[in-house]
Amino acid sequence: MNLSDEQLLTDLSRVITLMRRSFDRAMTEQGASLAQTKLLTCIKAQSGTARAADIAEIMSIAPRTVTEALDGLEREGLIQRTPDKADRRVKRLTLTPAGEAAVAVTEPLRRELSAKMLAALNPSDRAHFHAALQKLLEALADG
């Protein structure tokens, strides 16, 4: 079968879109969307030292987008912003107990959904898929 570049990229995009929708739907039902879980997990990994600018850099997201997402997390009671003791202009991010609970439920669910999705690939498929993805990542890094 001779696939065009366009067909391969369209299929890749469809897989990513469908995966995100599926994960997001299931995770939202458990307390936090996929995007919220990613942000909460990133904040948690920073152990209370995270700033919005740090999160934007780590996740390669525009600072304004991160600020808007953090506003939503704060409104939902999942994070808390506290002034930095050394620089009152800086706000440090921490998870609230509700944020911790959301991560405790949704992060394992995300891993479970990932495993179910990838179970469709046998070990050989997985190895080839991984190799192909590595080649694409290298090409993107170069250019």
Protein backbone atom coordinates (compact mmCIF):
# COMPACT_ATOMS: atom_id res chain seq x y z
CA MET A 1 0.00 0.00 0.00
CA ASN A 2 1.36 3.37 -1.01
CA LEU A 3 0.33 6.05 1.46
CA SER A 4 0.77 9.72 0.74
CA ASP A 5 2.44 12.07 3.19
CA GLU A 6 -0.88 13.83 3.57
CA GLN A 7 -2.70 10.60 4.50
CA LEU A 8 -0.09 9.67 7.10
CA LEU A 9 -0.23 13.11 8.70
CA THR A 10 -4.03 13.14 8.59
CA ASP A 11 -4.16 9.73 10.29
CA LEU A 12 -1.65 10.83 12.94
CA SER A 13 -3.67 13.96 13.63
CA ARG A 14 -6.91 11.94 13.89
CA VAL A 15 -5.32 9.50 16.36
CA ILE A 16 -4.09 12.36 18.54
CA THR A 17 -7.45 14.17 18.41
CA LEU A 18 -9.50 11.06 19.18
CA MET A 19 -7.11 10.04 21.96
CA ARG A 20 -7.32 13.47 23.60
CA ARG A 21 -11.12 13.53 23.36
CA SER A 22 -11.44 10.06 24.82
CA PHE A 23 -8.98 10.72 27.64
CA ASP A 24 -10.47 14.13 28.37
CA ARG A 25 -14.02 12.78 28.58
CA ALA A 26 -13.09 9.93 30.94
CA MET A 27 -10.82 12.08 33.10
CA THR A 28 -13.27 14.98 33.37
CA GLU A 29 -15.85 12.54 34.75
CA GLN A 30 -13.33 11.70 37.49
CA GLY A 31 -12.59 15.27 38.55
CA ALA A 32 -10.10 16.97 36.21
CA SER A 33 -9.70 17.18 32.45
CA LEU A 34 -6.60 15.94 30.64
CA ALA A 35 -5.27 19.50 30.35
CA GLN A 36 -6.00 20.23 34.01
CA THR A 37 -4.32 16.99 35.08
CA LYS A 38 -1.21 17.88 33.07
CA LEU A 39 -1.02 21.28 34.76
CA LEU A 40 -1.70 19.88 38.22
CA THR A 41 0.92 17.17 37.76
CA CYS A 42 3.46 19.75 36.59
CA ILE A 43 2.74 21.99 39.59
CA LYS A 44 2.98 19.03 41.97
CA ALA A 45 6.35 18.02 40.48
CA GLN A 46 7.71 21.49 41.34
CA SER A 47 7.02 20.87 45.07
CA GLY A 48 5.52 24.27 45.83
CA THR A 49 8.17 26.28 44.02
CA ALA A 50 6.35 26.61 40.70
CA ARG A 51 5.53 29.95 39.16
CA ALA A 52 3.27 30.46 36.16
CA ALA A 53 6.34 31.31 34.06
CA ASP A 54 7.99 28.02 35.06
CA ILE A 55 4.91 26.04 34.04
CA ALA A 56 4.71 27.88 30.70
CA GLU A 57 8.35 27.06 29.97
CA ILE A 58 8.16 23.41 31.06
CA MET A 59 5.00 22.76 29.05
CA SER A 60 5.98 24.96 26.06
CA ILE A 61 2.77 26.96 26.38
CA ALA A 62 2.29 30.71 26.06
CA PRO A 63 2.39 32.44 29.46
CA ARG A 64 -1.05 34.02 28.88
CA THR A 65 -2.55 30.58 28.18
CA VAL A 66 -1.03 29.21 31.39
CA THR A 67 -2.33 32.17 33.40
CA GLU A 68 -5.86 31.63 32.08
CA ALA A 69 -5.67 27.90 32.85
CA LEU A 70 -4.34 28.61 36.35
CA ASP A 71 -7.19 31.08 36.92
CA GLY A 72 -9.62 28.23 36.17
CA LEU A 73 -7.80 25.81 38.47
CA GLU A 74 -7.85 28.40 41.23
CA ARG A 75 -11.58 29.11 40.75
CA GLU A 76 -12.25 25.37 41.01
CA GLY A 77 -10.25 25.20 44.23
CA LEU A 78 -7.56 22.90 42.79
CA ILE A 79 -4.57 25.23 43.26
CA GLN A 80 -3.56 28.08 45.50
CA ARG A 81 -1.39 31.05 44.59
CA THR A 82 0.67 32.44 47.44
CA PRO A 83 3.08 35.39 47.43
CA ASP A 84 6.76 34.47 47.33
CA LYS A 85 8.46 35.46 50.58
CA ALA A 86 11.52 36.88 48.78
CA ASP A 87 9.62 38.69 46.00
CA ARG A 88 6.01 39.67 46.71
CA ARG A 89 5.40 40.22 42.97
CA VAL A 90 5.88 36.49 42.37
CA LYS A 91 3.11 34.01 43.11
CA ARG A 92 4.01 30.42 43.98
CA LEU A 93 1.64 27.64 42.99
CA THR A 94 0.62 24.74 45.21
CA LEU A 95 -2.07 22.12 44.97
CA THR A 96 -4.95 22.28 47.40
CA PRO A 97 -6.23 19.06 48.97
CA ALA A 98 -8.86 18.99 46.19
CA GLY A 99 -6.07 19.34 43.59
CA GLU A 100 -4.11 16.52 45.22
CA ALA A 101 -7.25 14.36 45.17
CA ALA A 102 -7.90 15.15 41.50
CA VAL A 103 -4.35 14.10 40.55
CA ALA A 104 -4.62 10.97 42.68
CA VAL A 105 -7.65 9.87 40.64
CA THR A 106 -6.98 11.20 37.15
CA GLU A 107 -3.28 10.51 36.70
CA PRO A 108 -3.65 6.74 37.26
CA LEU A 109 -6.68 6.84 34.96
CA ARG A 110 -4.60 8.58 32.25
CA ARG A 111 -1.96 5.84 32.53
CA GLU A 112 -4.66 3.14 32.38
CA LEU A 113 -6.25 4.70 29.29
CA SER A 114 -2.81 4.97 27.65
CA ALA A 115 -2.10 1.30 28.30
CA LYS A 116 -5.50 0.27 26.89
CA MET A 117 -4.96 2.32 23.75
CA LEU A 118 -1.44 1.02 23.16
CA ALA A 119 -2.55 -2.57 23.80
CA ALA A 120 -3.82 -2.48 20.20
CA LEU A 121 -0.15 -2.67 19.14
CA ASN A 122 1.82 -5.89 19.49
CA PRO A 123 5.44 -5.64 20.70
CA SER A 124 6.78 -5.49 17.14
CA ASP A 125 4.28 -2.74 16.18
CA ARG A 126 5.26 -0.81 19.29
CA ALA A 127 8.97 -1.03 18.50
CA HIS A 128 8.41 0.14 14.92
CA PHE A 129 6.06 2.91 16.04
CA HIS A 130 8.58 4.10 18.62
CA ALA A 131 11.39 4.09 16.06
CA ALA A 132 9.26 6.07 13.61
CA LEU A 133 8.33 8.61 16.27
CA GLN A 134 11.99 9.02 17.24
CA LYS A 135 12.88 9.75 13.62
CA LEU A 136 10.14 12.37 13.41
CA LEU A 137 11.27 13.97 16.68
CA GLU A 138 14.85 14.10 15.44
CA ALA A 139 13.74 15.69 12.17
CA LEU A 140 11.72 18.30 14.07
CA ALA A 141 14.62 19.03 16.42
CA ASP A 142 16.91 19.66 13.46
CA GLY A 143 14.66 22.01 11.67
